[in-house]
């Protein structure tokens, strides 16, 4: 049990150190401020679990239940962090997300004003009970529901973001939030661990404090994963994504619908004219081999607005910009693989020459559009050539 306390204490100290690093280096960025707050809250709540199991509540009784309300900040801070990453701004009325935290603190004012002896008595009922009290179990389950709601909202925000970057970029590896999404799934896993731990603690003979520290181990891992996961990721605004605007500079959403039908901006004549320009740029000029080609850059090359190009690709090819460009890259790579003169070149070398920036993005795209890996495809073509 002491080992569990030491592990959680080490994780909490590391979390506080990471909070300091974030605050010291990147405090000017809103996303870093929120990330710093989140790592601080996670670390402080870990110390709360240690406080109960180590017996420090007897030496410092007036710290009883001080860290416990931090659980109600997990969800809001996680959601706000994801929101800032995907929108580059804070959500409206973001302070309202702290209301459950504030209400919880107010509800425990009667405990906070008690004497040290009374707090020790309360703490021993909670921490040293041979099973998790019913009120403790219900409270934890409510917290799980509270955090789960925010995780679902965060996952929806990531999903919307991933669609947006695929509509604007041909290379999304540097700005993808896949790692952040994995963190959200890990949070869900932590919630499952929490539920199982407290339910078992209610029916079996181990204390509320032990349950808290078991969950603390998972939280400790989250601290490290969260701090490092999206540290070097850039959001849409930093990568120079274009805003979809009309000629007057007003924002426009080409995916908007009226009575269930798509609202189109381009006329049939424009669709045909711009389609020819796009085909020329792709088939003759092969603009797709440019690394990090974006919707905004391609729209300038064919002299139309970014929102017009977005609609053009959607209506003519029924694809996102990301899939449209990478499909042509794969077709070019296939053509080069089939050319005997390319036998001396590595697959990665060919891929990089055709616009891909990494082996992972190349392999993923190739498998998506051909159903086989690049090496399998090359072997197939070599066999066919020798038949």
Protein backbone atom coordinates (compact mmCIF):
# COMPACT_ATOMS: atom_id res chain seq x y z
CA UNK A 1 0.00 0.00 0.00
CA UNK A 2 2.90 2.33 0.73
CA UNK A 3 4.23 1.57 -2.74
CA UNK A 4 0.92 2.80 -4.20
CA UNK A 5 1.26 6.03 -2.23
CA UNK A 6 4.84 6.54 -3.43
CA UNK A 7 3.90 5.94 -7.07
CA UNK A 8 1.06 8.42 -6.90
CA UNK A 9 3.21 10.95 -5.08
CA UNK A 10 5.90 10.68 -7.78
CA UNK A 11 3.27 11.15 -10.51
CA UNK A 12 1.82 14.18 -8.71
CA UNK A 13 5.24 15.83 -8.35
CA UNK A 14 6.02 15.18 -12.02
CA UNK A 15 2.65 16.66 -12.95
CA UNK A 16 3.36 19.81 -10.95
CA UNK A 17 6.77 20.03 -12.61
CA UNK A 18 5.15 19.77 -16.03
CA UNK A 19 2.73 22.50 -15.03
CA UNK A 20 5.70 24.71 -14.19
CA UNK A 21 7.37 23.94 -17.54
CA UNK A 22 4.18 24.79 -19.43
CA UNK A 23 3.67 28.01 -17.47
CA UNK A 24 7.31 29.02 -17.84
CA UNK A 25 7.60 28.42 -21.59
CA UNK A 26 4.20 28.84 -23.20
CA UNK A 27 1.92 30.79 -20.90
CA UNK A 28 1.12 33.31 -23.67
CA UNK A 29 -0.79 30.64 -25.58
CA UNK A 30 -4.38 30.04 -24.48
CA UNK A 31 -4.13 26.30 -25.13
CA UNK A 32 -1.02 26.11 -22.94
CA UNK A 33 -2.76 27.97 -20.11
CA UNK A 34 -5.63 25.46 -20.19
CA UNK A 35 -3.23 22.51 -20.47
CA UNK A 36 -1.26 23.85 -17.51
CA UNK A 37 -4.44 24.18 -15.45
CA UNK A 38 -5.47 20.65 -16.37
CA UNK A 39 -2.13 19.08 -15.40
CA UNK A 40 -2.17 21.13 -12.17
CA UNK A 41 -5.70 19.97 -11.28
CA UNK A 42 -4.85 16.33 -12.04
CA UNK A 43 -1.71 16.56 -9.91
CA UNK A 44 -3.47 18.25 -7.00
CA UNK A 45 -6.23 15.66 -6.97
CA UNK A 46 -3.59 12.93 -6.81
CA UNK A 47 -2.19 14.56 -3.68
CA UNK A 48 -5.69 14.36 -2.19
CA UNK A 49 -5.71 10.57 -2.49
CA UNK A 50 -2.24 10.38 -0.96
CA UNK A 51 -3.40 12.64 1.87
CA UNK A 52 -6.01 10.09 2.90
CA UNK A 53 -3.99 6.89 2.59
CA UNK A 54 -0.78 8.22 4.16
CA UNK A 55 -2.50 9.46 7.32
CA UNK A 56 -1.54 13.12 6.82
CA UNK A 57 -5.16 14.06 7.53
CA UNK A 58 -4.30 13.59 11.22
CA UNK A 59 -1.35 16.00 11.07
CA UNK A 60 -3.01 18.54 8.76
CA UNK A 61 -6.76 18.03 9.31
CA UNK A 62 -7.73 21.37 7.76
CA UNK A 63 -6.70 20.12 4.30
CA UNK A 64 -9.48 17.54 4.48
CA UNK A 65 -11.51 17.43 1.24
CA UNK A 66 -9.63 20.41 -0.24
CA UNK A 67 -8.42 18.52 -3.33
CA UNK A 68 -11.56 16.41 -3.77
CA UNK A 69 -13.61 19.02 -5.73
CA UNK A 70 -10.88 19.03 -8.40
CA UNK A 71 -12.54 16.00 -9.96
CA UNK A 72 -15.30 18.30 -11.19
CA UNK A 73 -12.76 20.30 -13.20
CA UNK A 74 -11.43 17.31 -15.18
CA UNK A 75 -14.21 17.31 -17.75
CA UNK A 76 -14.57 21.09 -18.24
CA UNK A 77 -10.81 21.69 -18.58
CA UNK A 78 -10.39 18.73 -20.93
CA UNK A 79 -13.24 19.96 -23.13
CA UNK A 80 -11.99 23.57 -23.11
CA UNK A 81 -8.49 22.36 -24.04
CA UNK A 82 -9.82 20.39 -27.03
CA UNK A 83 -12.06 23.31 -27.99
CA UNK A 84 -9.10 25.71 -28.04
CA UNK A 85 -7.03 23.26 -30.09
CA UNK A 86 -9.78 22.93 -32.69
CA UNK A 87 -11.19 26.47 -32.72
CA UNK A 88 -8.21 28.55 -31.52
CA UNK A 89 -10.44 30.36 -29.03
CA UNK A 90 -12.20 29.78 -25.74
CA UNK A 91 -15.82 28.57 -25.84
CA UNK A 92 -18.54 31.07 -25.00
CA UNK A 93 -19.46 31.30 -21.32
CA UNK A 94 -16.64 28.90 -20.49
CA UNK A 95 -16.68 29.97 -16.84
CA UNK A 96 -20.16 28.45 -16.47
CA UNK A 97 -18.56 25.02 -16.78
CA UNK A 98 -17.11 25.60 -13.33
CA UNK A 99 -20.53 25.84 -11.65
CA UNK A 100 -20.66 22.20 -10.42
CA UNK A 101 -17.19 22.72 -8.90
CA UNK A 102 -18.38 25.89 -7.15
CA UNK A 103 -21.63 24.28 -5.95
CA UNK A 104 -19.68 21.32 -4.57
CA UNK A 105 -17.39 23.61 -2.57
CA UNK A 106 -20.34 25.58 -1.20
CA UNK A 107 -22.09 22.37 -0.16
CA UNK A 108 -19.03 21.36 1.89
CA UNK A 109 -18.63 24.68 3.71
CA UNK A 110 -20.15 23.11 6.88
CA UNK A 111 -17.27 20.59 6.82
CA UNK A 112 -14.60 23.20 6.07
CA UNK A 113 -15.56 25.30 9.12
CA UNK A 114 -15.48 22.37 11.53
CA UNK A 115 -12.73 21.89 14.09
CA UNK A 116 -9.66 19.77 13.38
CA UNK A 117 -10.93 16.93 15.54
CA UNK A 118 -14.28 16.85 13.73
CA UNK A 119 -12.52 16.80 10.36
CA UNK A 120 -10.33 13.89 11.46
CA UNK A 121 -13.43 11.99 12.57
CA UNK A 122 -15.10 12.65 9.19
CA UNK A 123 -11.95 11.71 7.27
CA UNK A 124 -11.59 8.41 9.13
CA UNK A 125 -15.19 7.54 8.34
CA UNK A 126 -14.44 8.12 4.64
CA UNK A 127 -10.83 6.94 4.37
CA UNK A 128 -10.64 4.07 6.89
CA UNK A 129 -14.05 2.50 6.43
CA UNK A 130 -13.58 -1.17 5.50
CA UNK A 131 -15.68 -0.57 2.38
CA UNK A 132 -16.67 2.37 0.20
CA UNK A 133 -19.68 4.11 1.82
CA UNK A 134 -22.90 4.22 -0.23
CA UNK A 135 -22.84 8.03 -0.40
CA UNK A 136 -19.25 7.86 -1.60
CA UNK A 137 -20.18 5.36 -4.33
CA UNK A 138 -23.09 7.49 -5.55
CA UNK A 139 -20.91 10.59 -5.58
CA UNK A 140 -18.25 8.85 -7.65
CA UNK A 141 -20.80 7.54 -10.15
CA UNK A 142 -22.18 11.05 -10.60
CA UNK A 143 -18.65 12.29 -11.27
CA UNK A 144 -18.19 9.58 -13.87
CA UNK A 145 -21.36 10.73 -15.65
CA UNK A 146 -20.20 14.37 -15.42
CA UNK A 147 -16.78 13.65 -16.93
CA UNK A 148 -18.22 11.27 -19.54
CA UNK A 149 -20.45 14.01 -20.95
CA UNK A 150 -17.45 16.27 -21.47
CA UNK A 151 -15.40 13.47 -23.04
CA UNK A 152 -18.19 12.80 -25.55
CA UNK A 153 -18.36 16.52 -26.39
CA UNK A 154 -14.58 16.56 -26.81
CA UNK A 155 -14.62 13.54 -29.13
CA UNK A 156 -17.29 15.21 -31.26
CA UNK A 157 -15.11 18.35 -31.46
CA UNK A 158 -12.11 16.27 -32.56
CA UNK A 159 -14.20 14.50 -35.19
CA UNK A 160 -15.42 17.83 -36.59
CA UNK A 161 -11.85 19.15 -36.58
CA UNK A 162 -10.52 16.13 -38.46
CA UNK A 163 -13.13 16.66 -41.17
CA UNK A 164 -12.23 20.34 -41.42
CA UNK A 165 -8.51 19.77 -41.88
CA UNK A 166 -9.21 17.10 -44.50
CA UNK A 167 -11.19 19.74 -46.38
CA UNK A 168 -8.23 22.13 -46.28
CA UNK A 169 -4.97 20.15 -46.32
CA UNK A 170 -3.34 17.33 -48.25
CA UNK A 171 -0.98 16.48 -45.37
CA UNK A 172 -2.60 16.38 -41.95
CA UNK A 173 0.00 14.43 -39.96
CA UNK A 174 1.45 17.52 -38.25
CA UNK A 175 -1.94 18.93 -37.32
CA UNK A 176 -3.86 15.75 -36.60
CA UNK A 177 -5.47 15.32 -33.20
CA UNK A 178 -5.29 11.53 -33.21
CA UNK A 179 -3.10 11.60 -30.12
CA UNK A 180 -5.55 13.89 -28.34
CA UNK A 181 -8.35 11.52 -29.32
CA UNK A 182 -6.40 8.63 -27.82
CA UNK A 183 -6.09 10.62 -24.60
CA UNK A 184 -9.87 11.02 -24.53
CA UNK A 185 -10.29 7.27 -24.95
CA UNK A 186 -7.79 6.75 -22.15
CA UNK A 187 -9.89 9.04 -19.96
CA UNK A 188 -12.87 6.81 -20.73
CA UNK A 189 -10.78 3.82 -19.70
CA UNK A 190 -9.92 5.63 -16.45
CA UNK A 191 -13.63 6.16 -15.81
CA UNK A 192 -14.28 2.44 -16.28
CA UNK A 193 -11.48 1.69 -13.80
CA UNK A 194 -13.06 4.20 -11.40
CA UNK A 195 -16.50 2.60 -11.65
CA UNK A 196 -15.15 -0.92 -11.16
CA UNK A 197 -12.90 0.17 -8.28
CA UNK A 198 -15.64 1.93 -6.32
CA UNK A 199 -18.31 -0.69 -6.98
CA UNK A 200 -15.93 -3.41 -5.80
CA UNK A 201 -14.95 -1.24 -2.86
CA UNK A 202 -18.62 -0.97 -1.89
CA UNK A 203 -19.26 -4.72 -1.96
CA UNK A 204 -15.82 -5.95 -0.90
CA UNK A 205 -13.63 -5.02 2.04
CA UNK A 206 -11.29 -2.30 0.98
CA UNK A 207 -11.40 1.40 1.69
CA UNK A 208 -12.44 4.49 -0.22
CA UNK A 209 -8.87 5.74 0.07
CA UNK A 210 -7.46 2.61 -1.59
CA UNK A 211 -9.97 3.02 -4.44
CA UNK A 212 -8.87 6.63 -4.89
CA UNK A 213 -5.23 5.64 -5.13
CA UNK A 214 -5.92 2.85 -7.63
CA UNK A 215 -7.57 5.44 -9.87
CA UNK A 216 -4.65 7.73 -9.10
CA UNK A 217 -2.29 5.36 -10.92
CA UNK A 218 -4.33 5.76 -14.09
CA UNK A 219 -4.51 9.53 -13.61
CA UNK A 220 -0.74 9.61 -13.22
CA UNK A 221 -0.32 8.03 -16.64
CA UNK A 222 -2.84 10.49 -18.09
CA UNK A 223 -0.78 13.40 -16.77
CA UNK A 224 2.25 12.37 -18.81
CA UNK A 225 0.29 11.35 -21.90
CA UNK A 226 -1.75 14.55 -21.93
CA UNK A 227 1.21 16.85 -21.40
CA UNK A 228 3.24 15.37 -24.25
CA UNK A 229 0.53 14.25 -26.71
CA UNK A 230 -0.37 17.46 -28.52
CA UNK A 231 2.59 19.55 -27.36
CA UNK A 232 4.02 20.02 -30.85
CA UNK A 233 0.76 19.81 -32.78
CA UNK A 234 -0.40 22.84 -34.70
CA UNK A 235 -4.01 23.85 -35.13
CA UNK A 236 -5.80 24.97 -38.26
CA UNK A 237 -5.12 28.66 -37.80
CA UNK A 238 -1.38 28.18 -37.25
CA UNK A 239 -1.09 26.11 -40.41
CA UNK A 240 -2.68 28.87 -42.47
CA UNK A 241 -5.98 27.27 -43.31
CA UNK A 242 -8.22 29.44 -45.40
CA UNK A 243 -11.53 30.73 -44.16
CA UNK A 244 -14.37 30.02 -46.53
CA UNK A 245 -15.63 33.46 -47.52
CA UNK A 246 -17.64 34.94 -50.35
CA UNK A 247 -16.49 37.85 -52.52
CA UNK A 248 -17.71 40.34 -49.92
CA UNK A 249 -15.58 38.67 -47.27
CA UNK A 250 -18.51 37.10 -45.44
CA UNK A 251 -18.07 33.58 -44.06
CA UNK A 252 -19.75 30.89 -46.08
CA UNK A 253 -20.48 27.26 -45.30
CA UNK A 254 -20.75 25.13 -48.44
CA UNK A 255 -22.06 22.21 -46.41
CA UNK A 256 -25.06 24.14 -45.10
CA UNK A 257 -28.50 22.83 -45.98
CA UNK A 258 -31.94 24.27 -46.52
CA UNK A 259 -34.88 21.90 -46.05
CA UNK A 260 -32.50 18.95 -46.21
CA UNK A 261 -30.90 20.00 -49.52
CA UNK A 262 -27.35 21.24 -50.12
CA UNK A 263 -26.92 24.93 -50.79
CA UNK A 264 -24.62 25.32 -53.80
CA UNK A 265 -22.72 28.47 -54.73
CA UNK A 266 -21.39 27.52 -58.16
CA UNK A 267 -23.57 27.62 -61.25
CA UNK A 268 -23.44 24.78 -63.76
CA UNK A 269 -21.33 26.94 -66.11
CA UNK A 270 -18.84 27.72 -63.33
CA UNK A 271 -18.75 24.07 -62.34
CA UNK A 272 -17.73 23.06 -65.86
CA UNK A 273 -15.24 25.91 -66.35
CA UNK A 274 -13.55 25.48 -62.98
CA UNK A 275 -13.59 21.73 -63.44
CA UNK A 276 -11.45 22.11 -66.57
CA UNK A 277 -9.01 24.36 -64.69
CA UNK A 278 -8.74 21.85 -61.87
CA UNK A 279 -8.23 18.92 -64.24
CA UNK A 280 -5.47 20.81 -66.05
CA UNK A 281 -3.68 21.62 -62.78
CA UNK A 282 -3.91 18.00 -61.67
CA UNK A 283 -3.33 16.04 -64.86
CA UNK A 284 -0.91 18.29 -66.75
CA UNK A 285 0.80 20.41 -64.10
CA UNK A 286 0.65 17.68 -61.42
CA UNK A 287 0.35 20.20 -58.59
CA UNK A 288 -0.46 17.36 -56.20
CA UNK A 289 3.24 16.43 -55.92
CA UNK A 290 3.85 19.63 -53.93
CA UNK A 291 4.42 18.85 -50.26
CA UNK A 292 1.83 20.30 -47.86
CA UNK A 293 -0.39 21.56 -50.70
CA UNK A 294 -3.43 23.26 -49.17
CA UNK A 295 -6.87 24.17 -50.43
CA UNK A 296 -5.94 27.85 -50.32
CA UNK A 297 -2.77 27.33 -52.38
CA UNK A 298 -4.49 25.24 -55.06
CA UNK A 299 -7.36 27.73 -55.33
CA UNK A 300 -4.83 30.49 -56.09
CA UNK A 301 -3.18 28.34 -58.76
CA UNK A 302 -6.42 27.90 -60.68
CA UNK A 303 -7.62 31.44 -59.88
CA UNK A 304 -10.80 30.73 -57.95
CA UNK A 305 -11.89 31.24 -54.34
CA UNK A 306 -11.09 28.57 -51.74
CA UNK A 307 -14.77 27.98 -50.94
CA UNK A 308 -15.46 27.52 -54.68
CA UNK A 309 -12.71 24.91 -54.95
CA UNK A 310 -14.08 23.11 -51.90
CA UNK A 311 -17.51 22.89 -53.47
CA UNK A 312 -16.03 21.95 -56.85
CA UNK A 313 -14.19 18.93 -55.44
CA UNK A 314 -17.17 17.91 -53.38
CA UNK A 315 -19.64 18.04 -56.29
CA UNK A 316 -17.42 16.62 -59.03
CA UNK A 317 -15.56 13.95 -57.06
CA UNK A 318 -17.55 13.55 -53.85
CA UNK A 319 -14.30 13.64 -51.85
CA UNK A 320 -12.58 15.78 -49.28
CA UNK A 321 -9.61 17.84 -50.47
CA UNK A 322 -7.34 15.49 -48.52
CA UNK A 323 -8.60 12.34 -50.28
CA UNK A 324 -8.72 14.06 -53.69
CA UNK A 325 -5.05 15.07 -53.60
CA UNK A 326 -3.76 11.87 -52.04
CA UNK A 327 -5.69 9.71 -54.50
CA UNK A 328 -3.85 11.42 -57.36
CA UNK A 329 -0.55 11.03 -55.51
CA UNK A 330 -1.16 7.31 -55.19
CA UNK A 331 -2.04 7.02 -58.89
CA UNK A 332 1.24 8.77 -59.76
CA UNK A 333 3.17 6.45 -57.43
CA UNK A 334 1.53 3.40 -59.00
CA UNK A 335 2.52 4.62 -62.46
CA UNK A 336 6.12 5.08 -61.34
CA UNK A 337 6.25 1.67 -59.67
CA UNK A 338 5.05 0.07 -62.91
CA UNK A 339 7.84 1.84 -64.81
CA UNK A 340 10.88 -0.51 -64.94
CA UNK A 341 13.19 2.51 -64.75
CA UNK A 342 11.99 3.11 -61.18
CA UNK A 343 13.05 -0.31 -59.92
CA UNK A 344 16.22 1.15 -58.43
CA UNK A 345 14.30 3.73 -56.39
CA UNK A 346 12.95 3.03 -52.91
CA UNK A 347 9.22 3.18 -52.35
CA UNK A 348 9.65 5.93 -49.76
CA UNK A 349 11.79 7.93 -52.18
CA UNK A 350 9.08 7.71 -54.83
CA UNK A 351 6.43 8.66 -52.28
CA UNK A 352 8.36 11.70 -51.07
CA UNK A 353 8.88 12.78 -54.67
CA UNK A 354 5.11 12.55 -55.22
CA UNK A 355 4.13 14.80 -52.32
CA UNK A 356 4.06 12.65 -49.19
CA UNK A 357 6.01 13.84 -46.16
CA UNK A 358 6.29 10.64 -44.15
CA UNK A 359 6.31 6.88 -44.47
CA UNK A 360 3.27 6.46 -42.21
CA UNK A 361 1.02 8.83 -44.17
CA UNK A 362 2.16 7.22 -47.44
CA UNK A 363 1.49 3.67 -46.24
CA UNK A 364 -1.92 4.61 -44.84
CA UNK A 365 -3.02 6.36 -48.03
CA UNK A 366 -1.68 3.62 -50.32
CA UNK A 367 -3.50 0.88 -48.40
CA UNK A 368 -6.69 2.96 -48.42
CA UNK A 369 -6.77 3.48 -52.18
CA UNK A 370 -5.33 0.14 -53.36
CA UNK A 371 -6.19 -2.33 -50.62
CA UNK A 372 -2.58 -3.53 -50.37
CA UNK A 373 0.67 -2.20 -48.94
CA UNK A 374 3.20 -0.44 -51.24
CA UNK A 375 5.66 -3.34 -50.97
CA UNK A 376 2.95 -5.88 -51.80
CA UNK A 377 1.93 -3.82 -54.82
CA UNK A 378 5.52 -3.60 -56.10
CA UNK A 379 5.98 -7.37 -55.70
CA UNK A 380 2.77 -8.00 -57.64
CA UNK A 381 3.98 -5.79 -60.50
CA UNK A 382 7.41 -7.43 -60.56
CA UNK A 383 5.79 -10.85 -60.84
CA UNK A 384 3.54 -9.61 -63.67
CA UNK A 385 6.52 -8.16 -65.52
CA UNK A 386 8.35 -11.50 -65.44
CA UNK A 387 5.40 -13.60 -66.51
